[in-house]
Amino acid sequence: MKPLIVIILAIAVGYVSYEYVYPTFADVMKFTKHVPKVEPKKEIVVAPAPKPVVKEEPKVVMEAPKPEPKPEMAPEPKPEMPKIPEPPPVDPNAFVAPVFPPLDQITQNWAAVPKGFFTTPKQVTMKKDLELKMQMGKATAATSFKAGAKIFVMGQEGPNLVVGASAGSPMRGQVAMDDTDFKEVFAAAYEQVKIVQTENARKAHEYRLAAAERAKNAPASSAGGGGGGGSSNDKPAKDADGTYPLLLASMKSGEVTEIKPDNVKSWGDPAQEKIDGTDYWTVNVKYETQTMFGKFETEAQARIKNGKVEKWVYTGSGEVVP
């Protein structure tokens, strides 16, 4: 047993010497034979770990929940639009009243009252106390007028009225228009004229309707020439320009003075009528006549018998035209 232990110790000492003592000694003595080869270290290339492949999951789009379909309902009835009443049919035989210009137009805003209005002096009332200088030639006199006093208007000078103490007084003075009731007097007279003119136009319209009805029932008559006198009762001749030589001759001879050839606006067609028991050929003419308020359209009728204009009358009133 003892020799075995010695052998084991010897082996251990030899191994330790060889491993640890001998390399140091060999290195000092430059022995290379027994230097253990040192193999170069191998570089270990570490490959980067592959990135995990991330599978893209499909995006899930959340859709808004669709509203559940409502049960079908009957559409609400649309409110009916109120129907615009249709205008009544136009009666071709209806009377159309004449249209009159407004006051400010015919007076040019009171700067130029129609001169015809002053043909006869118009009485107006003073609105306040005034002392007026009245003049006749070189003679001058001052006259006082109290509010409410009457004075006569003879004409117009710009914004003033030419006045006199009486209708026949030769003395003249001037007063501001607004110091009198002249505008009210003028407006009242104009309204009266419009009423009269409208009524005359209505009567003329009714007369034309009645004449047309009479013409339908009149027996047929001969339609000859004629137009300058004679004893025949032929239909009056009409020239190409629409005028009647017989009527023009009557105007030029002075049988009627208010109607002139140059103020006639239209010539009517001849009609045969029985008026007050007498047979006439009649022709209506529309013309412009001068009044105190300016020019107005008027209608007159020529009544023809035995080839001669017997008379001219207003178709509205039947009065004789001067």
Protein backbone atom coordinates (compact mmCIF):
# COMPACT_ATOMS: atom_id res chain seq x y z
CA MET A 1 0.00 0.00 0.00
CA LYS A 2 2.77 2.38 0.85
CA PRO A 3 4.58 2.03 -2.47
CA LEU A 4 1.28 2.81 -4.29
CA ILE A 5 0.92 6.03 -2.45
CA VAL A 6 4.53 6.99 -3.35
CA ILE A 7 3.89 6.30 -7.00
CA ILE A 8 0.73 8.41 -7.01
CA LEU A 9 2.57 11.29 -5.32
CA ALA A 10 5.43 11.06 -7.84
CA ILE A 11 3.03 11.18 -10.70
CA ALA A 12 1.27 14.16 -9.20
CA VAL A 13 4.56 16.04 -8.61
CA GLY A 14 5.72 15.30 -12.14
CA TYR A 15 2.50 16.49 -13.63
CA VAL A 16 2.53 19.71 -11.66
CA SER A 17 6.15 20.37 -12.58
CA TYR A 18 5.50 19.73 -16.20
CA GLU A 19 2.46 21.92 -16.29
CA TYR A 20 3.57 24.86 -14.22
CA VAL A 21 7.35 24.87 -13.55
CA TYR A 22 8.70 23.67 -16.87
CA PRO A 23 6.96 26.28 -19.07
CA THR A 24 8.40 29.08 -16.98
CA PHE A 25 11.88 27.59 -17.06
CA ALA A 26 11.63 26.94 -20.83
CA ASP A 27 10.59 30.46 -21.43
CA VAL A 28 13.62 31.79 -19.54
CA MET A 29 15.96 29.44 -21.37
CA LYS A 30 14.34 30.20 -24.74
CA PHE A 31 13.34 26.67 -25.27
CA THR A 32 10.68 26.55 -27.98
CA LYS A 33 10.44 22.87 -28.49
CA HIS A 34 8.41 22.33 -25.52
CA VAL A 35 6.38 25.61 -25.73
CA PRO A 36 2.90 24.58 -26.16
CA LYS A 37 1.34 25.79 -29.35
CA VAL A 38 -1.15 28.44 -28.80
CA GLU A 39 -3.70 28.28 -31.49
CA PRO A 40 -5.03 31.64 -32.65
CA LYS A 41 -8.44 32.46 -31.40
CA LYS A 42 -11.01 32.05 -33.98
CA GLU A 43 -13.24 35.08 -34.51
CA ILE A 44 -16.69 34.11 -33.93
CA VAL A 45 -19.06 36.10 -36.07
CA VAL A 46 -22.33 36.38 -34.35
CA ALA A 47 -25.04 36.72 -36.91
CA PRO A 48 -27.78 39.02 -35.78
CA ALA A 49 -30.78 37.19 -34.76
CA PRO A 50 -33.35 37.39 -37.52
CA LYS A 51 -36.09 39.79 -36.78
CA PRO A 52 -39.25 38.10 -36.13
CA VAL A 53 -41.59 38.42 -39.04
CA VAL A 54 -44.64 40.22 -37.85
CA LYS A 55 -47.60 39.30 -39.83
CA GLU A 56 -49.79 42.32 -40.49
CA GLU A 57 -53.19 41.46 -39.44
CA PRO A 58 -55.93 42.95 -41.65
CA LYS A 59 -57.29 46.16 -40.25
CA VAL A 60 -60.74 45.82 -39.05
CA VAL A 61 -62.84 48.90 -39.96
CA MET A 62 -65.63 49.36 -37.58
CA GLU A 63 -68.68 50.37 -39.54
CA ALA A 64 -71.32 52.46 -37.94
CA PRO A 65 -74.31 50.41 -37.27
CA LYS A 66 -76.82 50.87 -40.02
CA PRO A 67 -80.10 52.26 -38.84
CA GLU A 68 -82.73 49.75 -38.88
CA PRO A 69 -85.15 50.46 -41.71
CA LYS A 70 -88.22 52.14 -40.44
CA PRO A 71 -91.47 50.68 -41.42
CA GLU A 72 -92.69 52.30 -44.59
CA MET A 73 -95.13 55.09 -43.95
CA ALA A 74 -97.35 56.92 -46.36
CA PRO A 75 -95.71 60.21 -47.50
CA GLU A 76 -97.02 63.28 -45.76
CA PRO A 77 -99.32 65.22 -48.08
CA LYS A 78 -97.80 68.48 -49.28
CA PRO A 79 -99.76 71.53 -48.28
CA GLU A 80 -101.70 72.82 -51.23
CA MET A 81 -100.71 76.25 -52.41
CA PRO A 82 -103.59 78.65 -52.45
CA LYS A 83 -104.81 79.05 -55.96
CA ILE A 84 -104.49 82.51 -57.39
CA PRO A 85 -107.90 83.51 -58.59
CA GLU A 86 -107.97 83.92 -62.31
CA PRO A 87 -108.86 87.41 -63.47
CA PRO A 88 -112.34 87.63 -64.88
CA PRO A 89 -112.48 87.52 -68.66
CA VAL A 90 -112.17 90.92 -70.27
CA ASP A 91 -115.42 92.13 -71.69
CA PRO A 92 -114.64 93.76 -75.06
CA ASN A 93 -117.73 95.93 -74.58
CA ALA A 94 -116.79 97.05 -71.06
CA PHE A 95 -116.36 100.74 -70.41
CA VAL A 96 -112.78 101.91 -69.82
CA ALA A 97 -112.63 105.15 -67.87
CA PRO A 98 -110.27 107.83 -69.17
CA VAL A 99 -106.99 108.38 -67.32
CA PHE A 100 -106.26 111.91 -66.14
CA PRO A 101 -102.80 113.30 -65.36
CA PRO A 102 -102.11 114.10 -61.68
CA LEU A 103 -102.25 117.64 -60.36
CA ASP A 104 -98.50 118.07 -59.98
CA GLN A 105 -98.08 117.15 -63.64
CA ILE A 106 -100.60 119.55 -65.14
CA THR A 107 -99.42 122.38 -62.86
CA GLN A 108 -95.70 121.47 -63.07
CA ASN A 109 -95.64 121.33 -59.27
CA TRP A 110 -97.62 124.60 -59.14
CA ALA A 111 -94.92 126.46 -61.06
CA ALA A 112 -97.05 126.83 -64.19
CA VAL A 113 -100.80 126.55 -63.69
CA PRO A 114 -102.55 126.18 -67.09
CA LYS A 115 -103.33 129.66 -68.37
CA GLY A 116 -106.79 128.58 -69.43
CA PHE A 117 -107.76 128.40 -65.76
CA PHE A 118 -107.39 132.19 -65.53
CA THR A 119 -109.63 132.92 -68.53
CA THR A 120 -112.24 134.01 -66.03
CA PRO A 121 -111.21 135.39 -62.58
CA LYS A 122 -111.38 132.78 -59.81
CA GLN A 123 -112.35 133.76 -56.28
CA VAL A 124 -110.10 132.52 -53.46
CA THR A 125 -109.90 133.07 -49.70
CA MET A 126 -107.04 134.76 -47.84
CA LYS A 127 -105.44 132.57 -45.16
CA LYS A 128 -103.90 135.42 -43.15
CA ASP A 129 -103.99 139.18 -42.76
CA LEU A 130 -102.05 140.93 -45.50
CA GLU A 131 -101.53 144.44 -46.79
CA LEU A 132 -101.15 144.41 -50.54
CA LYS A 133 -99.94 147.10 -52.85
CA MET A 134 -102.41 147.41 -55.68
CA GLN A 135 -101.25 149.13 -58.85
CA MET A 136 -102.88 150.48 -62.01
CA GLY A 137 -100.42 152.10 -64.35
CA LYS A 138 -98.36 154.47 -62.23
CA ALA A 139 -101.03 154.78 -59.54
CA THR A 140 -100.39 152.69 -56.42
CA ALA A 141 -102.61 152.05 -53.42
CA ALA A 142 -102.18 149.85 -50.34
CA THR A 143 -105.13 147.69 -49.41
CA SER A 144 -105.50 145.52 -46.32
CA PHE A 145 -107.05 142.07 -46.47
CA LYS A 146 -108.03 140.15 -43.36
CA ALA A 147 -107.81 136.39 -43.07
CA GLY A 148 -111.00 134.94 -44.57
CA ALA A 149 -111.48 137.82 -47.01
CA LYS A 150 -112.25 136.99 -50.65
CA ILE A 151 -109.99 138.06 -53.46
CA PHE A 152 -110.01 137.39 -57.21
CA VAL A 153 -107.15 135.68 -59.03
CA MET A 154 -106.34 136.94 -62.53
CA GLY A 155 -103.12 135.10 -63.32
CA GLN A 156 -99.78 133.78 -62.05
CA GLU A 157 -96.31 135.28 -61.75
CA GLY A 158 -93.90 132.57 -60.59
CA PRO A 159 -94.89 131.54 -57.04
CA ASN A 160 -97.28 134.51 -56.73
CA LEU A 161 -100.82 135.07 -57.88
CA VAL A 162 -101.93 138.20 -59.68
CA VAL A 163 -105.00 139.36 -57.78
CA GLY A 164 -107.62 142.09 -57.74
CA ALA A 165 -110.10 143.28 -55.14
CA SER A 166 -112.99 142.44 -57.50
CA ALA A 167 -113.46 140.60 -60.79
CA GLY A 168 -113.69 143.81 -62.77
CA SER A 169 -111.19 145.90 -60.81
CA PRO A 170 -108.33 147.33 -62.92
CA MET A 171 -106.07 147.44 -59.83
CA ARG A 172 -103.63 144.53 -59.63
CA GLY A 173 -101.44 143.18 -56.85
CA GLN A 174 -99.50 140.02 -56.06
CA VAL A 175 -99.89 137.56 -53.21
CA ALA A 176 -98.05 134.34 -52.42
CA MET A 177 -100.04 131.32 -53.59
CA ASP A 178 -99.70 129.61 -50.22
CA ASP A 179 -101.26 132.61 -48.48
CA THR A 180 -104.55 131.69 -50.17
CA ASP A 181 -106.61 128.55 -50.69
CA PHE A 182 -105.91 128.67 -54.43
CA LYS A 183 -104.54 125.10 -54.56
CA GLU A 184 -107.67 123.74 -52.92
CA VAL A 185 -109.91 125.70 -55.32
CA PHE A 186 -107.95 124.44 -58.33
CA ALA A 187 -107.99 120.82 -57.11
CA ALA A 188 -111.76 120.89 -56.48
CA ALA A 189 -112.42 122.30 -59.96
CA TYR A 190 -110.16 119.66 -61.51
CA GLU A 191 -111.98 116.84 -59.70
CA GLN A 192 -115.29 118.17 -61.00
CA VAL A 193 -113.97 118.24 -64.56
CA LYS A 194 -112.75 114.64 -64.23
CA ILE A 195 -116.20 113.55 -63.09
CA VAL A 196 -117.87 115.30 -66.02
CA GLN A 197 -115.35 113.98 -68.57
CA THR A 198 -115.67 110.43 -67.23
CA GLU A 199 -119.46 110.59 -67.40
CA ASN A 200 -119.34 111.96 -70.94
CA ALA A 201 -116.97 109.15 -71.93
CA ARG A 202 -119.36 106.61 -70.38
CA LYS A 203 -122.32 108.03 -72.30
CA ALA A 204 -120.30 108.05 -75.50
CA HIS A 205 -119.41 104.40 -74.93
CA GLU A 206 -123.04 103.48 -74.33
CA TYR A 207 -124.05 105.41 -77.41
CA ARG A 208 -121.55 103.50 -79.56
CA LEU A 209 -122.88 100.17 -78.29
CA ALA A 210 -126.44 101.22 -78.99
CA ALA A 211 -125.48 102.51 -82.44
CA ALA A 212 -123.75 99.22 -83.27
CA GLU A 213 -126.88 97.34 -82.22
CA ARG A 214 -129.06 99.60 -84.35
CA ALA A 215 -126.75 99.09 -87.32
CA LYS A 216 -127.20 95.31 -87.07
CA ASN A 217 -130.94 95.66 -87.35
CA ALA A 218 -130.93 98.41 -89.98
CA PRO A 219 -132.07 97.42 -93.47
CA ALA A 220 -129.43 97.30 -96.18
CA SER A 221 -129.05 100.55 -98.07
CA SER A 222 -127.20 101.65 -101.12
CA ALA A 223 -123.60 102.68 -100.62
CA GLY A 224 -122.74 105.26 -103.15
CA GLY A 225 -120.21 108.03 -103.27
CA GLY A 226 -121.07 111.54 -102.35
CA GLY A 227 -119.08 113.94 -100.32
CA GLY A 228 -119.54 117.55 -101.13
CA GLY A 229 -123.18 118.38 -101.00
CA GLY A 230 -126.13 117.26 -103.08
CA SER A 231 -129.54 115.89 -102.23
CA SER A 232 -128.67 112.16 -102.08
CA ASN A 233 -128.35 110.35 -98.78
CA ASP A 234 -125.45 108.18 -99.88
CA LYS A 235 -122.78 106.86 -97.56
CA PRO A 236 -120.08 109.51 -97.01
CA ALA A 237 -116.89 108.78 -98.93
CA LYS A 238 -113.66 108.04 -97.09
CA ASP A 239 -110.26 108.91 -98.55
CA ALA A 240 -107.22 106.62 -98.49
CA ASP A 241 -105.73 108.53 -95.54
CA GLY A 242 -108.84 107.82 -93.44
CA THR A 243 -110.34 111.31 -93.61
CA TYR A 244 -113.74 112.32 -94.97
CA PRO A 245 -113.82 115.18 -97.51
CA LEU A 246 -117.35 116.08 -96.41
CA LEU A 247 -116.32 116.42 -92.74
CA LEU A 248 -113.15 118.36 -93.58
CA ALA A 249 -115.20 120.78 -95.67
CA SER A 250 -117.56 121.30 -92.71
CA MET A 251 -114.62 122.12 -90.39
CA LYS A 252 -112.97 124.49 -92.84
CA SER A 253 -116.20 126.34 -93.53
CA GLY A 254 -116.64 127.14 -89.84
CA GLU A 255 -119.68 124.95 -89.23
CA VAL A 256 -117.76 123.73 -86.16
CA THR A 257 -114.97 125.71 -84.50
CA GLU A 258 -113.79 123.42 -81.69
CA ILE A 259 -112.82 120.61 -84.06
CA LYS A 260 -109.92 121.30 -86.41
CA PRO A 261 -108.45 118.90 -89.00
CA ASP A 262 -105.06 118.98 -87.25
CA ASN A 263 -106.42 118.05 -83.79
CA VAL A 264 -108.42 115.01 -84.92
CA LYS A 265 -106.84 111.83 -83.51
CA SER A 266 -109.02 109.20 -85.20
CA TRP A 267 -111.89 108.90 -87.65
CA GLY A 268 -114.63 106.33 -87.12
CA ASP A 269 -116.54 104.33 -89.70
CA PRO A 270 -119.84 105.63 -91.07
CA ALA A 271 -123.06 104.14 -89.75
CA GLN A 272 -126.66 104.63 -90.76
CA GLU A 273 -128.92 105.45 -87.82
CA LYS A 274 -132.38 106.72 -87.05
CA ILE A 275 -132.10 109.42 -84.38
CA ASP A 276 -135.15 111.22 -83.07
CA GLY A 277 -137.10 109.86 -86.03
CA THR A 278 -134.61 111.09 -88.64
CA ASP A 279 -132.32 108.92 -90.77
CA TYR A 280 -128.65 109.98 -90.62
CA TRP A 281 -125.27 108.80 -91.67
CA THR A 282 -123.06 109.27 -88.60
CA VAL A 283 -119.28 109.44 -88.22
CA ASN A 284 -117.58 109.66 -84.84
CA VAL A 285 -114.27 111.48 -84.49
CA LYS A 286 -111.89 111.66 -81.54
CA TYR A 287 -110.03 114.92 -81.18
CA GLU A 288 -107.99 116.91 -78.68
CA THR A 289 -109.65 119.95 -77.19
CA GLN A 290 -108.13 122.70 -75.07
CA THR A 291 -109.69 123.15 -71.62
CA MET A 292 -108.81 125.26 -68.61
CA PHE A 293 -106.83 122.25 -67.32
CA GLY A 294 -104.95 121.55 -70.53
CA LYS A 295 -105.73 119.32 -73.48
CA PHE A 296 -108.18 116.43 -73.18
CA GLU A 297 -109.35 113.87 -75.71
CA THR A 298 -113.01 114.30 -76.60
CA GLU A 299 -115.37 112.54 -78.98
CA ALA A 300 -117.91 114.16 -81.26
CA GLN A 301 -120.25 112.92 -83.95
CA ALA A 302 -121.04 114.35 -87.33
CA ARG A 303 -124.65 113.74 -88.35
CA ILE A 304 -125.03 113.74 -92.09
CA LYS A 305 -128.27 114.06 -94.04
CA ASN A 306 -128.76 114.48 -97.77
CA GLY A 307 -125.02 114.73 -98.40
CA LYS A 308 -124.46 117.53 -95.88
CA VAL A 309 -123.25 117.68 -92.27
CA GLU A 310 -126.37 118.81 -90.47
CA LYS A 311 -124.72 119.17 -87.05
CA TRP A 312 -121.85 118.14 -84.77
CA VAL A 313 -122.74 116.84 -81.29
CA TYR A 314 -120.80 115.46 -78.32
CA THR A 315 -121.39 111.71 -78.33
CA GLY A 316 -121.55 111.71 -74.55
CA SER A 317 -124.07 114.41 -73.81
CA GLY A 318 -125.63 114.98 -77.22
CA GLU A 319 -125.00 118.71 -76.89
CA VAL A 320 -124.06 120.62 -79.98
CA VAL A 321 -120.32 121.18 -80.43
CA PRO A 322 -119.54 124.90 -80.88
